[in-house]
């Protein structure tokens, strides 16, 4: 995975173009402030994938602590789609 980097000032000046390009090539774009990464812009598809991974990690952590490892449909839907389920 490669990562494109731009300063906050560059991002402010052309955020639309940066977002379209990053989404088209499905590569993250890091925004930096004085050389330090402060934000990363990812495509919607990658964002959903990351949310799914977070839900899976939470499930595995609960399971490792011998807690109820089940994840309800509504909880999964909220993690993946940010909504309230059906």
PDB file of N, CA and C in Angstrom:
ATOM      1  N   UNK A   1       0.845  -1.169   0.000  1.00  0.00           N
ATOM      2  CA  UNK A   1       0.000   0.000   0.000  1.00  0.00           C
ATOM      3  C   UNK A   1       0.888   1.228   0.000  1.00  0.00           C
ATOM      4  N   UNK A   2       0.644   2.111  -0.926  1.00  0.00           N
ATOM      5  CA  UNK A   2       1.340   3.386  -0.932  1.00  0.00           C
ATOM      6  C   UNK A   2       0.424   4.423  -0.321  1.00  0.00           C
ATOM      7  N   UNK A   3       1.001   5.511   0.070  1.00  0.00           N
ATOM      8  CA  UNK A   3       0.216   6.563   0.693  1.00  0.00           C
ATOM      9  C   UNK A   3       0.649   7.896   0.124  1.00  0.00           C
ATOM     10  N   UNK A   4      -0.312   8.655  -0.376  1.00  0.00           N
ATOM     11  CA  UNK A   4      -0.048  10.004  -0.850  1.00  0.00           C
ATOM     12  C   UNK A   4      -0.092  10.935   0.345  1.00  0.00           C
ATOM     13  N   UNK A   5       0.790  11.909   0.380  1.00  0.00           N
ATOM     14  CA  UNK A   5       0.845  12.843   1.495  1.00  0.00           C
ATOM     15  C   UNK A   5       0.701  14.267   0.978  1.00  0.00           C
ATOM     16  N   UNK A   6      -0.065  15.068   1.700  1.00  0.00           N
ATOM     17  CA  UNK A   6      -0.164  16.490   1.379  1.00  0.00           C
ATOM     18  C   UNK A   6      -0.303  17.254   2.683  1.00  0.00           C
ATOM     19  N   UNK A   7       0.086  18.521   2.657  1.00  0.00           N
ATOM     20  CA  UNK A   7      -0.029  19.347   3.855  1.00  0.00           C
ATOM     21  C   UNK A   7      -1.487  19.751   4.066  1.00  0.00           C
ATOM     22  N   UNK A   8      -1.806  20.201   5.257  1.00  0.00           N
ATOM     23  CA  UNK A   8      -3.166  20.683   5.537  1.00  0.00           C
ATOM     24  C   UNK A   8      -3.512  21.830   4.600  1.00  0.00           C
ATOM     25  N   UNK A   9      -2.560  22.715   4.352  1.00  0.00           N
ATOM     26  CA  UNK A   9      -2.809  23.857   3.462  1.00  0.00           C
ATOM     27  C   UNK A   9      -3.141  23.373   2.051  1.00  0.00           C
ATOM     28  N   UNK A  10      -2.415  22.374   1.553  1.00  0.00           N
ATOM     29  CA  UNK A  10      -2.714  21.820   0.230  1.00  0.00           C
ATOM     30  C   UNK A  10      -4.093  21.168   0.227  1.00  0.00           C
ATOM     31  N   UNK A  11      -4.407  20.450   1.284  1.00  0.00           N
ATOM     32  CA  UNK A  11      -5.695  19.760   1.371  1.00  0.00           C
ATOM     33  C   UNK A  11      -6.848  20.766   1.384  1.00  0.00           C
ATOM     34  N   UNK A  12      -6.690  21.847   2.106  1.00  0.00           N
ATOM     35  CA  UNK A  12      -7.735  22.875   2.151  1.00  0.00           C
ATOM     36  C   UNK A  12      -7.964  23.475   0.771  1.00  0.00           C
ATOM     37  N   UNK A  13      -6.900  23.667   0.033  1.00  0.00           N
ATOM     38  CA  UNK A  13      -6.994  24.314  -1.268  1.00  0.00           C
ATOM     39  C   UNK A  13      -7.657  23.432  -2.320  1.00  0.00           C
ATOM     40  N   UNK A  14      -7.517  22.112  -2.196  1.00  0.00           N
ATOM     41  CA  UNK A  14      -8.032  21.241  -3.264  1.00  0.00           C
ATOM     42  C   UNK A  14      -8.592  19.935  -2.719  1.00  0.00           C
ATOM     43  N   UNK A  15      -9.389  20.009  -1.647  1.00  0.00           N
ATOM     44  CA  UNK A  15      -9.905  18.804  -1.006  1.00  0.00           C
ATOM     45  C   UNK A  15     -10.733  17.946  -1.954  1.00  0.00           C
ATOM     46  N   UNK A  16     -11.557  18.548  -2.772  1.00  0.00           N
ATOM     47  CA  UNK A  16     -12.393  17.780  -3.693  1.00  0.00           C
ATOM     48  C   UNK A  16     -11.564  16.935  -4.638  1.00  0.00           C
ATOM     49  N   UNK A  17     -10.548  17.535  -5.236  1.00  0.00           N
ATOM     50  CA  UNK A  17      -9.692  16.805  -6.176  1.00  0.00           C
ATOM     51  C   UNK A  17      -8.922  15.697  -5.467  1.00  0.00           C
ATOM     52  N   UNK A  18      -8.439  15.982  -4.263  1.00  0.00           N
ATOM     53  CA  UNK A  18      -7.696  14.974  -3.492  1.00  0.00           C
ATOM     54  C   UNK A  18      -8.612  13.804  -3.149  1.00  0.00           C
ATOM     55  N   UNK A  19      -9.831  14.096  -2.716  1.00  0.00           N
ATOM     56  CA  UNK A  19     -10.779  13.040  -2.351  1.00  0.00           C
ATOM     57  C   UNK A  19     -11.138  12.184  -3.554  1.00  0.00           C
ATOM     58  N   UNK A  20     -11.397  12.818  -4.700  1.00  0.00           N
ATOM     59  CA  UNK A  20     -11.748  12.056  -5.906  1.00  0.00           C
ATOM     60  C   UNK A  20     -10.594  11.163  -6.348  1.00  0.00           C
ATOM     61  N   UNK A  21      -9.383  11.701  -6.332  1.00  0.00           N
ATOM     62  CA  UNK A  21      -8.229  10.917  -6.752  1.00  0.00           C
ATOM     63  C   UNK A  21      -7.994   9.737  -5.806  1.00  0.00           C
ATOM     64  N   UNK A  22      -8.035  10.001  -4.502  1.00  0.00           N
ATOM     65  CA  UNK A  22      -7.831   8.928  -3.525  1.00  0.00           C
ATOM     66  C   UNK A  22      -8.882   7.841  -3.649  1.00  0.00           C
ATOM     67  N   UNK A  23     -10.126   8.239  -3.891  1.00  0.00           N
ATOM     68  CA  UNK A  23     -11.204   7.263  -4.039  1.00  0.00           C
ATOM     69  C   UNK A  23     -11.036   6.460  -5.320  1.00  0.00           C
ATOM     70  N   UNK A  24     -10.614   7.124  -6.384  1.00  0.00           N
ATOM     71  CA  UNK A  24     -10.464   6.440  -7.678  1.00  0.00           C
ATOM     72  C   UNK A  24      -9.358   5.396  -7.636  1.00  0.00           C
ATOM     73  N   UNK A  25      -8.259   5.705  -6.959  1.00  0.00           N
ATOM     74  CA  UNK A  25      -7.143   4.755  -6.927  1.00  0.00           C
ATOM     75  C   UNK A  25      -7.158   3.889  -5.671  1.00  0.00           C
ATOM     76  N   UNK A  26      -8.140   4.131  -4.796  1.00  0.00           N
ATOM     77  CA  UNK A  26      -8.311   3.391  -3.542  1.00  0.00           C
ATOM     78  C   UNK A  26      -7.029   3.342  -2.729  1.00  0.00           C
ATOM     79  N   UNK A  27      -6.399   4.479  -2.618  1.00  0.00           N
ATOM     80  CA  UNK A  27      -5.211   4.614  -1.784  1.00  0.00           C
ATOM     81  C   UNK A  27      -5.475   5.725  -0.775  1.00  0.00           C
ATOM     82  N   UNK A  28      -5.032   5.564   0.459  1.00  0.00           N
ATOM     83  CA  UNK A  28      -5.227   6.617   1.456  1.00  0.00           C
ATOM     84  C   UNK A  28      -4.391   7.847   1.135  1.00  0.00           C
ATOM     85  N   UNK A  29      -4.893   9.003   1.578  1.00  0.00           N
ATOM     86  CA  UNK A  29      -4.167  10.261   1.433  1.00  0.00           C
ATOM     87  C   UNK A  29      -3.968  10.811   2.838  1.00  0.00           C
ATOM     88  N   UNK A  30      -2.715  10.946   3.233  1.00  0.00           N
ATOM     89  CA  UNK A  30      -2.398  11.461   4.568  1.00  0.00           C
ATOM     90  C   UNK A  30      -2.286  12.973   4.502  1.00  0.00           C
ATOM     91  N   UNK A  31      -2.880  13.640   5.475  1.00  0.00           N
ATOM     92  CA  UNK A  31      -2.759  15.090   5.607  1.00  0.00           C
ATOM     93  C   UNK A  31      -1.787  15.357   6.749  1.00  0.00           C
ATOM     94  N   UNK A  32      -0.815  16.212   6.489  1.00  0.00           N
ATOM     95  CA  UNK A  32       0.233  16.459   7.479  1.00  0.00           C
ATOM     96  C   UNK A  32       0.207  17.902   7.962  1.00  0.00           C
ATOM     97  N   UNK A  33       0.670  18.092   9.166  1.00  0.00           N
ATOM     98  CA  UNK A  33       0.845  19.409   9.762  1.00  0.00           C
ATOM     99  C   UNK A  33       2.283  19.474  10.255  1.00  0.00           C
ATOM    100  N   UNK A  34       3.090  20.268   9.593  1.00  0.00           N
ATOM    101  CA  UNK A  34       4.521  20.369   9.905  1.00  0.00           C
ATOM    102  C   UNK A  34       5.207  19.003   9.853  1.00  0.00           C
ATOM    103  N   UNK A  35       4.835  18.207   8.839  1.00  0.00           N
ATOM    104  CA  UNK A  35       5.467  16.911   8.627  1.00  0.00           C
ATOM    105  C   UNK A  35       4.892  15.768   9.449  1.00  0.00           C
ATOM    106  N   UNK A  36       3.950  16.047  10.323  1.00  0.00           N
ATOM    107  CA  UNK A  36       3.338  15.017  11.182  1.00  0.00           C
ATOM    108  C   UNK A  36       1.959  14.676  10.644  1.00  0.00           C
ATOM    109  N   UNK A  37       1.684  13.390  10.410  1.00  0.00           N
ATOM    110  CA  UNK A  37       0.373  12.979   9.909  1.00  0.00           C
ATOM    111  C   UNK A  37      -0.686  13.256  10.966  1.00  0.00           C
ATOM    112  N   UNK A  38      -1.726  14.009  10.563  1.00  0.00           N
ATOM    113  CA  UNK A  38      -2.798  14.358  11.495  1.00  0.00           C
ATOM    114  C   UNK A  38      -4.149  13.780  11.082  1.00  0.00           C
ATOM    115  N   UNK A  39      -4.264  13.342   9.817  1.00  0.00           N
ATOM    116  CA  UNK A  39      -5.510  12.751   9.337  1.00  0.00           C
ATOM    117  C   UNK A  39      -5.205  11.910   8.105  1.00  0.00           C
ATOM    118  N   UNK A  40      -6.066  10.929   7.858  1.00  0.00           N
ATOM    119  CA  UNK A  40      -5.926  10.107   6.663  1.00  0.00           C
ATOM    120  C   UNK A  40      -7.292  10.000   6.005  1.00  0.00           C
ATOM    121  N   UNK A  41      -7.346  10.337   4.728  1.00  0.00           N
ATOM    122  CA  UNK A  41      -8.564  10.269   3.935  1.00  0.00           C
ATOM    123  C   UNK A  41      -8.566   8.937   3.196  1.00  0.00           C
ATOM    124  N   UNK A  42      -9.653   8.155   3.373  1.00  0.00           N
ATOM    125  CA  UNK A  42      -9.762   6.859   2.706  1.00  0.00           C
ATOM    126  C   UNK A  42     -11.055   6.803   1.912  1.00  0.00           C
ATOM    127  N   UNK A  43     -11.121   5.889   0.954  1.00  0.00           N
ATOM    128  CA  UNK A  43     -12.323   5.723   0.137  1.00  0.00           C
ATOM    129  C   UNK A  43     -13.460   5.157   0.992  1.00  0.00           C
ATOM    130  N   UNK A  44     -14.714   5.369   0.576  1.00  0.00           N
ATOM    131  CA  UNK A  44     -15.839   4.793   1.322  1.00  0.00           C
ATOM    132  C   UNK A  44     -15.730   3.276   1.466  1.00  0.00           C
ATOM    133  N   UNK A  45     -15.289   2.590   0.422  1.00  0.00           N
ATOM    134  CA  UNK A  45     -15.159   1.128   0.492  1.00  0.00           C
ATOM    135  C   UNK A  45     -14.125   0.725   1.536  1.00  0.00           C
ATOM    136  N   UNK A  46     -13.006   1.438   1.564  1.00  0.00           N
ATOM    137  CA  UNK A  46     -11.976   1.131   2.559  1.00  0.00           C
ATOM    138  C   UNK A  46     -12.464   1.450   3.970  1.00  0.00           C
ATOM    139  N   UNK A  47     -13.244   2.513   4.099  1.00  0.00           N
ATOM    140  CA  UNK A  47     -13.792   2.870   5.408  1.00  0.00           C
ATOM    141  C   UNK A  47     -14.695   1.759   5.935  1.00  0.00           C
ATOM    142  N   UNK A  48     -15.560   1.224   5.074  1.00  0.00           N
ATOM    143  CA  UNK A  48     -16.421   0.108   5.495  1.00  0.00           C
ATOM    144  C   UNK A  48     -15.599  -1.100   5.903  1.00  0.00           C
ATOM    145  N   UNK A  49     -14.535  -1.376   5.148  1.00  0.00           N
ATOM    146  CA  UNK A  49     -13.665  -2.491   5.495  1.00  0.00           C
ATOM    147  C   UNK A  49     -13.012  -2.293   6.853  1.00  0.00           C
ATOM    148  N   UNK A  50     -12.573  -1.070   7.123  1.00  0.00           N
ATOM    149  CA  UNK A  50     -11.950  -0.778   8.413  1.00  0.00           C
ATOM    150  C   UNK A  50     -12.955  -0.903   9.552  1.00  0.00           C
ATOM    151  N   UNK A  51     -14.184  -0.458   9.321  1.00  0.00           N
ATOM    152  CA  UNK A  51     -15.220  -0.596  10.353  1.00  0.00           C
ATOM    153  C   UNK A  51     -15.505  -2.061  10.637  1.00  0.00           C
ATOM    154  N   UNK A  52     -15.518  -2.871   9.596  1.00  0.00           N
ATOM    155  CA  UNK A  52     -15.718  -4.310   9.780  1.00  0.00           C
ATOM    156  C   UNK A  52     -14.600  -4.935  10.589  1.00  0.00           C
ATOM    157  N   UNK A  53     -13.370  -4.512  10.310  1.00  0.00           N
ATOM    158  CA  UNK A  53     -12.217  -5.023  11.072  1.00  0.00           C
ATOM    159  C   UNK A  53     -12.299  -4.604  12.535  1.00  0.00           C
ATOM    160  N   UNK A  54     -12.750  -3.376  12.791  1.00  0.00           N
ATOM    161  CA  UNK A  54     -12.902  -2.919  14.182  1.00  0.00           C
ATOM    162  C   UNK A  54     -13.941  -3.757  14.914  1.00  0.00           C
ATOM    163  N   UNK A  55     -15.055  -4.044  14.240  1.00  0.00           N
ATOM    164  CA  UNK A  55     -16.099  -4.872  14.856  1.00  0.00           C
ATOM    165  C   UNK A  55     -15.571  -6.267  15.141  1.00  0.00           C
ATOM    166  N   UNK A  56     -14.803  -6.826  14.211  1.00  0.00           N
ATOM    167  CA  UNK A  56     -14.223  -8.149  14.411  1.00  0.00           C
ATOM    168  C   UNK A  56     -13.234  -8.142  15.573  1.00  0.00           C
ATOM    169  N   UNK A  57     -12.417  -7.111  15.670  1.00  0.00           N
ATOM    170  CA  UNK A  57     -11.459  -7.012  16.778  1.00  0.00           C
ATOM    171  C   UNK A  57     -12.192  -6.910  18.113  1.00  0.00           C
ATOM    172  N   UNK A  58     -13.263  -6.131  18.161  1.00  0.00           N
ATOM    173  CA  UNK A  58     -14.037  -6.010  19.399  1.00  0.00           C
ATOM    174  C   UNK A  58     -14.635  -7.365  19.781  1.00  0.00           C
ATOM    175  N   UNK A  59     -15.139  -8.088  18.799  1.00  0.00           N
ATOM    176  CA  UNK A  59     -15.695  -9.423  19.035  1.00  0.00           C
ATOM    177  C   UNK A  59     -14.620 -10.358  19.598  1.00  0.00           C
ATOM    178  N   UNK A  60     -13.444 -10.337  18.995  1.00  0.00           N
ATOM    179  CA  UNK A  60     -12.361 -11.212  19.463  1.00  0.00           C
ATOM    180  C   UNK A  60     -11.892 -10.825  20.864  1.00  0.00           C
ATOM    181  N   UNK A  61     -11.870  -9.539  21.158  1.00  0.00           N
ATOM    182  CA  UNK A  61     -11.485  -9.104  22.509  1.00  0.00           C
ATOM    183  C   UNK A  61     -12.484  -9.573  23.559  1.00  0.00           C
ATOM    184  N   UNK A  62     -13.788  -9.456  23.224  1.00  0.00           N
ATOM    185  CA  UNK A  62     -14.812  -9.945  24.161  1.00  0.00           C
ATOM    186  C   UNK A  62     -14.665 -11.449  24.368  1.00  0.00           C
ATOM    187  N   UNK A  63     -14.405 -12.154  23.288  1.00  0.00           N
ATOM    188  CA  UNK A  63     -14.259 -13.613  23.364  1.00  0.00           C
ATOM    189  C   UNK A  63     -13.034 -13.979  24.207  1.00  0.00           C
ATOM    190  N   UNK A  64     -11.924 -13.258  24.036  1.00  0.00           N
ATOM    191  CA  UNK A  64     -10.704 -13.535  24.798  1.00  0.00           C
ATOM    192  C   UNK A  64     -10.915 -13.296  26.288  1.00  0.00           C
ATOM    193  N   UNK A  65     -11.823 -12.377  26.627  1.00  0.00           N
ATOM    194  CA  UNK A  65     -12.117 -12.103  28.041  1.00  0.00           C
ATOM    195  C   UNK A  65     -13.243 -12.997  28.554  1.00  0.00           C
ATOM    196  N   UNK A  66     -13.623 -13.984  27.759  1.00  0.00           N
ATOM    197  CA  UNK A  66     -14.696 -14.930  28.106  1.00  0.00           C
ATOM    198  C   UNK A  66     -16.029 -14.232  28.326  1.00  0.00           C
ATOM    199  N   UNK A  67     -16.208 -13.100  27.671  1.00  0.00           N
ATOM    200  CA  UNK A  67     -17.501 -12.425  27.721  1.00  0.00           C
ATOM    201  C   UNK A  67     -18.370 -12.997  26.625  1.00  0.00           C
ATOM    202  N   UNK A  68     -19.619 -12.647  26.637  1.00  0.00           N
ATOM    203  CA  UNK A  68     -20.509 -13.077  25.566  1.00  0.00           C
ATOM    204  C   UNK A  68     -19.925 -12.586  24.250  1.00  0.00           C
ATOM    205  N   UNK A  69     -19.517 -13.517  23.401  1.00  0.00           N
ATOM    206  CA  UNK A  69     -18.826 -13.161  22.158  1.00  0.00           C
ATOM    207  C   UNK A  69     -19.792 -12.896  21.014  1.00  0.00           C
ATOM    208  N   UNK A  70     -21.059 -13.106  21.238  1.00  0.00           N
ATOM    209  CA  UNK A  70     -22.015 -12.880  20.159  1.00  0.00           C
ATOM    210  C   UNK A  70     -22.167 -11.403  19.843  1.00  0.00           C
ATOM    211  N   UNK A  71     -22.402 -11.112  18.596  1.00  0.00           N
ATOM    212  CA  UNK A  71     -22.658  -9.749  18.153  1.00  0.00           C
ATOM    213  C   UNK A  71     -24.014  -9.748  17.491  1.00  0.00           C
ATOM    214  N   UNK A  72     -24.891  -8.905  17.994  1.00  0.00           N
ATOM    215  CA  UNK A  72     -26.235  -8.871  17.433  1.00  0.00           C
ATOM    216  C   UNK A  72     -26.209  -8.272  16.029  1.00  0.00           C
ATOM    217  N   UNK A  73     -27.233  -8.559  15.283  1.00  0.00           N
ATOM    218  CA  UNK A  73     -27.354  -8.002  13.933  1.00  0.00           C
ATOM    219  C   UNK A  73     -27.344  -6.481  13.988  1.00  0.00           C
ATOM    220  N   UNK A  74     -28.093  -5.909  14.936  1.00  0.00           N
ATOM    221  CA  UNK A  74     -28.167  -4.448  15.032  1.00  0.00           C
ATOM    222  C   UNK A  74     -26.804  -3.829  15.337  1.00  0.00           C
ATOM    223  N   UNK A  75     -26.036  -4.449  16.233  1.00  0.00           N
ATOM    224  CA  UNK A  75     -24.704  -3.935  16.551  1.00  0.00           C
ATOM    225  C   UNK A  75     -23.797  -4.006  15.328  1.00  0.00           C
ATOM    226  N   UNK A  76     -23.847  -5.109  14.625  1.00  0.00           N
ATOM    227  CA  UNK A  76     -23.035  -5.257  13.420  1.00  0.00           C
ATOM    228  C   UNK A  76     -23.428  -4.216  12.383  1.00  0.00           C
ATOM    229  N   UNK A  77     -24.718  -4.017  12.187  1.00  0.00           N
ATOM    230  CA  UNK A  77     -25.209  -3.034  11.224  1.00  0.00           C
ATOM    231  C   UNK A  77     -24.709  -1.630  11.590  1.00  0.00           C
ATOM    232  N   UNK A  78     -24.778  -1.275  12.875  1.00  0.00           N
ATOM    233  CA  UNK A  78     -24.305   0.044  13.318  1.00  0.00           C
ATOM    234  C   UNK A  78     -22.825   0.213  13.044  1.00  0.00           C
ATOM    235  N   UNK A  79     -22.020  -0.823  13.323  1.00  0.00           N
ATOM    236  CA  UNK A  79     -20.575  -0.744  13.091  1.00  0.00           C
ATOM    237  C   UNK A  79     -20.254  -0.597  11.608  1.00  0.00           C
ATOM    238  N   UNK A  80     -20.977  -1.315  10.780  1.00  0.00           N
ATOM    239  CA  UNK A  80     -20.644  -1.316   9.368  1.00  0.00           C
ATOM    240  C   UNK A  80     -21.257  -0.136   8.624  1.00  0.00           C
ATOM    241  N   UNK A  81     -22.522   0.168   8.921  1.00  0.00           N
ATOM    242  CA  UNK A  81     -23.221   1.175   8.140  1.00  0.00           C
ATOM    243  C   UNK A  81     -23.522   2.465   8.908  1.00  0.00           C
ATOM    244  N   UNK A  82     -23.270   2.469  10.201  1.00  0.00           N
ATOM    245  CA  UNK A  82     -23.498   3.687  10.977  1.00  0.00           C
ATOM    246  C   UNK A  82     -24.966   3.995  11.218  1.00  0.00           C
ATOM    247  N   UNK A  83     -25.849   3.042  10.968  1.00  0.00           N
ATOM    248  CA  UNK A  83     -27.276   3.271  11.149  1.00  0.00           C
ATOM    249  C   UNK A  83     -27.820   2.522  12.353  1.00  0.00           C
ATOM    250  N   UNK A  84     -29.115   2.371  12.367  1.00  0.00           N
ATOM    251  CA  UNK A  84     -29.779   1.741  13.511  1.00  0.00           C
ATOM    252  C   UNK A  84     -30.331   0.367  13.191  1.00  0.00           C
ATOM    253  N   UNK A  85     -30.041  -0.167  12.041  1.00  0.00           N
ATOM    254  CA  UNK A  85     -30.577  -1.489  11.692  1.00  0.00           C
ATOM    255  C   UNK A  85     -31.930  -1.355  11.063  1.00  0.00           C
ATOM    256  N   UNK A  86     -32.702  -2.426  11.132  1.00  0.00           N
ATOM    257  CA  UNK A  86     -34.022  -2.436  10.471  1.00  0.00           C
ATOM    258  C   UNK A  86     -35.028  -1.638  11.252  1.00  0.00           C
TER     259      UNK A  86
END
